[in-house]
Amino acid sequence: MKQSPVVHFEMPAKDNKRVSQFYTEAFGWQMNQLGAEMSNYLLAGTTPTDENQMTQKPGEINGGFFTYEDKPGMNVPHVVIQVENIDENIEAVKNAGGTITSDKMPIPGIGTYVSFTDTEGNHVGMLQPPQK
């Protein structure tokens, strides 16, 4: 199987303004608050991107903050892995002992996303970019 890179990180936040100010002041990150149609997600730019919002240097990633929810196992930092075929990788995760924990979700302009837990209980995301 082809290696699939980590392309994004996510962390929970109880207060988007507070967390935005913290990471901007402490690390110089560029923060972008999305609206209700995107669940008030807060994008975190940690490295420059091109016109398609893709990182310019291999190995560097950007991320974001999701709204904290009082659900066990959900309020932990996690990574997002980019895959070529999300359906094949869903089956691969299941066959390897993982558990799919969400429905596939289309994210406009970004791709299709699903979350899963691995064999150790880690919460992980998987993203298939839009087909060209």
N, C-alpha and C. Protein backbone atom coordinates (compact mmCIF):
# COMPACT_ATOMS: atom_id res chain seq x y z
N MET A 1 0.84 -1.18 0.00
CA MET A 1 0.00 0.00 0.00
C MET A 1 0.89 1.25 0.00
N LYS A 2 0.47 2.25 -0.77
CA LYS A 2 1.20 3.52 -0.85
C LYS A 2 1.15 4.24 0.50
N GLN A 3 2.26 4.91 0.87
CA GLN A 3 2.27 5.70 2.10
C GLN A 3 1.32 6.89 1.96
N SER A 4 0.59 7.18 3.02
CA SER A 4 -0.35 8.30 3.06
C SER A 4 0.15 9.32 4.08
N PRO A 5 0.38 10.57 3.66
CA PRO A 5 0.97 11.56 4.55
C PRO A 5 -0.02 12.19 5.52
N VAL A 6 0.50 12.65 6.66
CA VAL A 6 -0.26 13.49 7.57
C VAL A 6 -0.30 14.88 6.94
N VAL A 7 -1.51 15.44 6.78
CA VAL A 7 -1.64 16.72 6.09
C VAL A 7 -2.31 17.81 6.91
N HIS A 8 -2.77 17.47 8.12
CA HIS A 8 -3.54 18.44 8.90
C HIS A 8 -3.57 17.99 10.35
N PHE A 9 -3.66 18.92 11.27
CA PHE A 9 -3.86 18.58 12.67
C PHE A 9 -5.12 19.28 13.15
N GLU A 10 -5.73 18.73 14.20
CA GLU A 10 -6.90 19.36 14.79
C GLU A 10 -6.81 19.28 16.31
N MET A 11 -7.30 20.33 16.95
CA MET A 11 -7.34 20.37 18.41
C MET A 11 -8.68 20.97 18.84
N PRO A 12 -9.18 20.60 20.01
CA PRO A 12 -10.43 21.19 20.50
C PRO A 12 -10.19 22.58 21.09
N ALA A 13 -11.23 23.41 21.03
CA ALA A 13 -11.16 24.73 21.64
C ALA A 13 -12.52 25.08 22.25
N LYS A 14 -12.48 25.62 23.45
CA LYS A 14 -13.71 26.08 24.10
C LYS A 14 -14.02 27.53 23.72
N ASP A 15 -12.99 28.30 23.37
CA ASP A 15 -13.15 29.72 23.06
C ASP A 15 -12.25 30.05 21.87
N ASN A 16 -12.85 30.17 20.68
CA ASN A 16 -12.06 30.39 19.47
C ASN A 16 -11.29 31.71 19.49
N LYS A 17 -11.87 32.75 20.05
CA LYS A 17 -11.15 34.03 20.12
C LYS A 17 -9.92 33.90 21.01
N ARG A 18 -10.09 33.24 22.12
CA ARG A 18 -8.97 33.07 23.07
C ARG A 18 -7.86 32.22 22.46
N VAL A 19 -8.22 31.08 21.87
CA VAL A 19 -7.20 30.20 21.31
C VAL A 19 -6.53 30.85 20.09
N SER A 20 -7.31 31.61 19.33
CA SER A 20 -6.74 32.33 18.18
C SER A 20 -5.70 33.34 18.64
N GLN A 21 -6.03 34.11 19.65
CA GLN A 21 -5.10 35.10 20.17
C GLN A 21 -3.84 34.42 20.72
N PHE A 22 -4.02 33.31 21.44
CA PHE A 22 -2.88 32.61 22.02
C PHE A 22 -1.90 32.16 20.94
N TYR A 23 -2.36 31.42 19.93
CA TYR A 23 -1.44 30.87 18.93
C TYR A 23 -0.89 31.95 17.99
N THR A 24 -1.65 33.03 17.79
CA THR A 24 -1.13 34.14 17.00
C THR A 24 0.01 34.83 17.75
N GLU A 25 -0.20 35.10 19.03
CA GLU A 25 0.82 35.79 19.82
C GLU A 25 2.01 34.89 20.14
N ALA A 26 1.76 33.63 20.45
CA ALA A 26 2.85 32.74 20.87
C ALA A 26 3.67 32.19 19.71
N PHE A 27 3.02 31.97 18.54
CA PHE A 27 3.72 31.30 17.44
C PHE A 27 3.59 32.00 16.09
N GLY A 28 2.85 33.10 16.03
CA GLY A 28 2.70 33.83 14.78
C GLY A 28 1.79 33.16 13.77
N TRP A 29 0.94 32.25 14.21
CA TRP A 29 0.03 31.56 13.29
C TRP A 29 -1.00 32.53 12.73
N GLN A 30 -1.43 32.29 11.50
CA GLN A 30 -2.49 33.06 10.86
C GLN A 30 -3.80 32.30 11.06
N MET A 31 -4.74 32.90 11.77
CA MET A 31 -6.00 32.23 12.09
C MET A 31 -7.12 32.75 11.20
N ASN A 32 -8.03 31.84 10.82
CA ASN A 32 -9.15 32.20 9.95
C ASN A 32 -10.42 31.53 10.48
N GLN A 33 -11.32 32.33 11.03
CA GLN A 33 -12.57 31.82 11.60
C GLN A 33 -13.58 31.56 10.49
N LEU A 34 -14.06 30.32 10.39
CA LEU A 34 -15.10 29.98 9.43
C LEU A 34 -16.46 30.15 10.09
N GLY A 35 -17.52 30.14 9.28
CA GLY A 35 -18.86 30.39 9.78
C GLY A 35 -19.60 29.15 10.25
N ALA A 36 -20.86 29.37 10.57
CA ALA A 36 -21.72 28.29 11.08
C ALA A 36 -21.86 27.15 10.08
N GLU A 37 -21.84 27.48 8.78
CA GLU A 37 -21.97 26.43 7.76
C GLU A 37 -20.80 25.45 7.78
N MET A 38 -19.70 25.85 8.43
CA MET A 38 -18.53 24.98 8.60
C MET A 38 -18.29 24.69 10.08
N SER A 39 -19.37 24.67 10.85
CA SER A 39 -19.35 24.34 12.29
C SER A 39 -18.43 25.26 13.10
N ASN A 40 -18.30 26.52 12.64
CA ASN A 40 -17.46 27.51 13.34
C ASN A 40 -16.02 27.04 13.52
N TYR A 41 -15.55 26.29 12.55
CA TYR A 41 -14.18 25.77 12.57
C TYR A 41 -13.19 26.93 12.46
N LEU A 42 -12.08 26.83 13.17
CA LEU A 42 -11.05 27.86 13.16
C LEU A 42 -9.81 27.29 12.48
N LEU A 43 -9.50 27.79 11.28
CA LEU A 43 -8.31 27.34 10.57
C LEU A 43 -7.06 27.95 11.19
N ALA A 44 -6.00 27.16 11.25
CA ALA A 44 -4.73 27.61 11.80
C ALA A 44 -3.65 27.47 10.74
N GLY A 45 -3.19 28.60 10.22
CA GLY A 45 -2.11 28.60 9.24
C GLY A 45 -0.77 28.69 9.94
N THR A 46 -0.02 27.60 9.89
CA THR A 46 1.28 27.55 10.56
C THR A 46 2.44 27.76 9.60
N THR A 47 2.14 27.70 8.31
CA THR A 47 3.16 27.79 7.27
C THR A 47 2.53 28.39 6.02
N PRO A 48 3.29 29.08 5.18
CA PRO A 48 2.72 29.68 3.98
C PRO A 48 2.08 28.65 3.05
N THR A 49 1.03 29.11 2.34
CA THR A 49 0.34 28.25 1.38
C THR A 49 0.30 28.92 0.01
N ASP A 50 -0.01 28.11 -1.00
CA ASP A 50 -0.14 28.64 -2.35
C ASP A 50 -1.59 29.10 -2.58
N GLU A 51 -1.93 29.42 -3.82
CA GLU A 51 -3.27 29.93 -4.12
C GLU A 51 -4.37 28.89 -3.87
N ASN A 52 -4.01 27.61 -3.79
CA ASN A 52 -4.98 26.55 -3.50
C ASN A 52 -4.97 26.15 -2.02
N GLN A 53 -4.32 26.96 -1.19
CA GLN A 53 -4.21 26.71 0.25
C GLN A 53 -3.40 25.47 0.60
N MET A 54 -2.53 25.04 -0.31
CA MET A 54 -1.65 23.90 -0.05
C MET A 54 -0.31 24.44 0.45
N THR A 55 0.29 23.71 1.39
CA THR A 55 1.57 24.15 1.93
C THR A 55 2.63 24.17 0.84
N GLN A 56 3.60 25.05 0.98
CA GLN A 56 4.63 25.23 -0.04
C GLN A 56 5.85 24.36 0.19
N LYS A 57 6.07 23.92 1.42
CA LYS A 57 7.25 23.10 1.71
C LYS A 57 6.82 21.70 2.13
N PRO A 58 7.41 20.67 1.52
CA PRO A 58 7.07 19.30 1.91
C PRO A 58 7.31 19.08 3.41
N GLY A 59 6.39 18.38 4.03
CA GLY A 59 6.53 18.05 5.45
C GLY A 59 5.89 19.05 6.39
N GLU A 60 5.54 20.23 5.91
CA GLU A 60 4.89 21.22 6.77
C GLU A 60 3.38 21.06 6.65
N ILE A 61 2.67 21.27 7.76
CA ILE A 61 1.21 21.13 7.73
C ILE A 61 0.56 22.31 8.44
N ASN A 62 -0.68 22.56 8.09
CA ASN A 62 -1.53 23.51 8.78
C ASN A 62 -2.60 22.73 9.52
N GLY A 63 -3.44 23.42 10.25
CA GLY A 63 -4.44 22.70 11.03
C GLY A 63 -5.63 23.54 11.36
N GLY A 64 -6.27 23.18 12.46
CA GLY A 64 -7.45 23.92 12.87
C GLY A 64 -7.96 23.49 14.23
N PHE A 65 -8.97 24.22 14.68
CA PHE A 65 -9.59 23.97 15.98
C PHE A 65 -11.08 23.73 15.79
N PHE A 66 -11.55 22.65 16.39
CA PHE A 66 -12.97 22.33 16.36
C PHE A 66 -13.57 22.68 17.71
N THR A 67 -14.88 22.85 17.74
CA THR A 67 -15.57 23.22 18.98
C THR A 67 -15.54 22.07 19.98
N TYR A 68 -15.09 22.37 21.17
CA TYR A 68 -15.04 21.40 22.26
C TYR A 68 -16.45 20.87 22.51
N GLU A 69 -16.57 19.55 22.62
CA GLU A 69 -17.83 18.90 22.98
C GLU A 69 -17.56 17.98 24.15
N ASP A 70 -18.50 17.89 25.06
CA ASP A 70 -18.33 17.05 26.24
C ASP A 70 -18.63 15.59 25.88
N LYS A 71 -17.74 15.00 25.07
CA LYS A 71 -17.87 13.60 24.65
C LYS A 71 -16.55 12.90 24.93
N PRO A 72 -16.59 11.76 25.59
CA PRO A 72 -15.35 11.02 25.88
C PRO A 72 -14.58 10.70 24.60
N GLY A 73 -13.28 10.95 24.63
CA GLY A 73 -12.41 10.60 23.52
C GLY A 73 -12.40 11.57 22.36
N MET A 74 -13.27 12.57 22.37
CA MET A 74 -13.36 13.49 21.24
C MET A 74 -12.52 14.75 21.43
N ASN A 75 -12.21 15.12 22.65
CA ASN A 75 -11.54 16.38 22.91
C ASN A 75 -10.04 16.20 23.08
N VAL A 76 -9.44 15.60 22.07
CA VAL A 76 -8.00 15.37 22.08
C VAL A 76 -7.43 15.83 20.74
N PRO A 77 -6.21 16.31 20.73
CA PRO A 77 -5.58 16.63 19.45
C PRO A 77 -5.48 15.38 18.59
N HIS A 78 -5.63 15.56 17.29
CA HIS A 78 -5.46 14.44 16.38
C HIS A 78 -4.96 14.93 15.03
N VAL A 79 -4.53 13.98 14.22
CA VAL A 79 -4.00 14.30 12.90
C VAL A 79 -4.98 13.82 11.84
N VAL A 80 -4.82 14.36 10.63
CA VAL A 80 -5.61 13.95 9.47
C VAL A 80 -4.65 13.40 8.43
N ILE A 81 -4.97 12.22 7.93
CA ILE A 81 -4.14 11.53 6.94
C ILE A 81 -4.81 11.65 5.58
N GLN A 82 -4.05 12.07 4.57
CA GLN A 82 -4.57 12.18 3.21
C GLN A 82 -4.49 10.84 2.50
N VAL A 83 -5.58 10.45 1.84
CA VAL A 83 -5.62 9.18 1.11
C VAL A 83 -6.10 9.42 -0.32
N GLU A 84 -5.78 8.48 -1.20
CA GLU A 84 -6.21 8.60 -2.59
C GLU A 84 -7.64 8.12 -2.79
N ASN A 85 -8.04 7.08 -2.04
CA ASN A 85 -9.37 6.50 -2.19
C ASN A 85 -9.94 6.23 -0.81
N ILE A 86 -10.83 7.09 -0.36
CA ILE A 86 -11.32 6.99 1.01
C ILE A 86 -12.09 5.70 1.26
N ASP A 87 -12.82 5.21 0.26
CA ASP A 87 -13.57 3.97 0.45
C ASP A 87 -12.63 2.78 0.65
N GLU A 88 -11.57 2.71 -0.14
CA GLU A 88 -10.59 1.63 0.04
C GLU A 88 -9.91 1.73 1.41
N ASN A 89 -9.60 2.96 1.83
CA ASN A 89 -8.93 3.13 3.12
C ASN A 89 -9.86 2.89 4.30
N ILE A 90 -11.15 3.15 4.13
CA ILE A 90 -12.11 2.80 5.18
C ILE A 90 -12.07 1.29 5.41
N GLU A 91 -12.08 0.53 4.33
CA GLU A 91 -12.01 -0.93 4.45
C GLU A 91 -10.67 -1.36 5.04
N ALA A 92 -9.59 -0.69 4.64
CA ALA A 92 -8.26 -1.03 5.17
C ALA A 92 -8.20 -0.78 6.68
N VAL A 93 -8.79 0.34 7.13
CA VAL A 93 -8.82 0.64 8.56
C VAL A 93 -9.59 -0.45 9.30
N LYS A 94 -10.75 -0.83 8.79
CA LYS A 94 -11.55 -1.88 9.42
C LYS A 94 -10.78 -3.20 9.46
N ASN A 95 -10.18 -3.57 8.33
CA ASN A 95 -9.44 -4.83 8.25
C ASN A 95 -8.23 -4.87 9.17
N ALA A 96 -7.66 -3.68 9.45
CA ALA A 96 -6.48 -3.61 10.32
C ALA A 96 -6.87 -3.54 11.80
N GLY A 97 -8.17 -3.50 12.10
CA GLY A 97 -8.61 -3.49 13.48
C GLY A 97 -9.11 -2.15 14.00
N GLY A 98 -9.18 -1.14 13.12
CA GLY A 98 -9.69 0.17 13.52
C GLY A 98 -11.20 0.22 13.42
N THR A 99 -11.77 1.33 13.90
CA THR A 99 -13.22 1.52 13.90
C THR A 99 -13.55 2.87 13.27
N ILE A 100 -14.42 2.87 12.27
CA ILE A 100 -14.87 4.11 11.66
C ILE A 100 -15.86 4.75 12.63
N THR A 101 -15.66 6.04 12.96
CA THR A 101 -16.46 6.69 14.00
C THR A 101 -17.35 7.82 13.49
N SER A 102 -17.35 8.06 12.17
CA SER A 102 -18.24 9.08 11.61
C SER A 102 -18.67 8.65 10.22
N ASP A 103 -19.70 9.30 9.72
CA ASP A 103 -20.08 9.12 8.33
C ASP A 103 -19.10 9.91 7.47
N LYS A 104 -19.00 9.55 6.20
CA LYS A 104 -18.20 10.35 5.28
C LYS A 104 -18.87 11.72 5.16
N MET A 105 -18.04 12.78 5.20
CA MET A 105 -18.56 14.14 5.13
C MET A 105 -17.88 14.88 3.99
N PRO A 106 -18.66 15.43 3.05
CA PRO A 106 -18.04 16.29 2.05
C PRO A 106 -17.70 17.64 2.67
N ILE A 107 -16.50 18.13 2.39
CA ILE A 107 -16.08 19.46 2.84
C ILE A 107 -15.82 20.26 1.57
N PRO A 108 -16.67 21.24 1.26
CA PRO A 108 -16.55 21.98 0.00
C PRO A 108 -15.15 22.52 -0.25
N GLY A 109 -14.61 22.20 -1.42
CA GLY A 109 -13.29 22.68 -1.82
C GLY A 109 -12.13 21.96 -1.17
N ILE A 110 -12.39 21.07 -0.22
CA ILE A 110 -11.32 20.38 0.51
C ILE A 110 -11.30 18.89 0.19
N GLY A 111 -12.47 18.26 0.17
CA GLY A 111 -12.54 16.83 -0.13
C GLY A 111 -13.57 16.12 0.72
N THR A 112 -13.36 14.83 0.92
CA THR A 112 -14.26 14.00 1.72
C THR A 112 -13.51 13.53 2.95
N TYR A 113 -14.15 13.65 4.10
CA TYR A 113 -13.52 13.39 5.39
C TYR A 113 -14.29 12.30 6.14
N VAL A 114 -13.55 11.49 6.89
CA VAL A 114 -14.14 10.53 7.81
C VAL A 114 -13.19 10.39 8.99
N SER A 115 -13.73 10.10 10.17
CA SER A 115 -12.85 9.87 11.31
C SER A 115 -12.92 8.42 11.75
N PHE A 116 -11.85 8.00 12.43
CA PHE A 116 -11.77 6.63 12.91
C PHE A 116 -10.93 6.58 14.17
N THR A 117 -11.01 5.47 14.87
CA THR A 117 -10.08 5.21 15.96
C THR A 117 -9.20 4.05 15.55
N ASP A 118 -7.93 4.14 15.93
CA ASP A 118 -7.00 3.06 15.62
C ASP A 118 -7.07 1.99 16.70
N THR A 119 -6.21 1.02 16.64
CA THR A 119 -6.23 -0.09 17.60
C THR A 119 -5.88 0.34 19.02
N GLU A 120 -5.31 1.55 19.17
CA GLU A 120 -4.93 2.05 20.50
C GLU A 120 -5.94 3.04 21.05
N GLY A 121 -7.02 3.28 20.31
CA GLY A 121 -8.04 4.22 20.75
C GLY A 121 -7.79 5.66 20.35
N ASN A 122 -6.76 5.90 19.53
CA ASN A 122 -6.47 7.26 19.07
C ASN A 122 -7.51 7.70 18.05
N HIS A 123 -7.97 8.94 18.19
CA HIS A 123 -8.91 9.54 17.24
C HIS A 123 -8.10 10.11 16.08
N VAL A 124 -8.41 9.68 14.85
CA VAL A 124 -7.66 10.08 13.66
C VAL A 124 -8.64 10.45 12.56
N GLY A 125 -8.26 11.40 11.70
CA GLY A 125 -9.07 11.77 10.55
C GLY A 125 -8.44 11.26 9.27
N MET A 126 -9.29 11.09 8.25
CA MET A 126 -8.83 10.65 6.94
C MET A 126 -9.50 11.56 5.91
N LEU A 127 -8.73 12.04 4.93
CA LEU A 127 -9.24 12.99 3.94
C LEU A 127 -8.85 12.57 2.54
N GLN A 128 -9.83 12.51 1.64
CA GLN A 128 -9.57 12.32 0.22
C GLN A 128 -9.82 13.65 -0.47
N PRO A 129 -8.78 14.25 -1.07
CA PRO A 129 -8.97 15.52 -1.77
C PRO A 129 -9.95 15.34 -2.94
N PRO A 130 -10.51 16.44 -3.45
CA PRO A 130 -11.41 16.34 -4.60
C PRO A 130 -10.71 15.70 -5.79
N GLN A 131 -11.46 14.93 -6.56
CA GLN A 131 -10.90 14.32 -7.77
C GLN A 131 -10.72 15.41 -8.82
N LYS A 132 -9.60 15.35 -9.54
CA LYS A 132 -9.32 16.37 -10.56
C LYS A 132 -9.77 15.91 -11.91
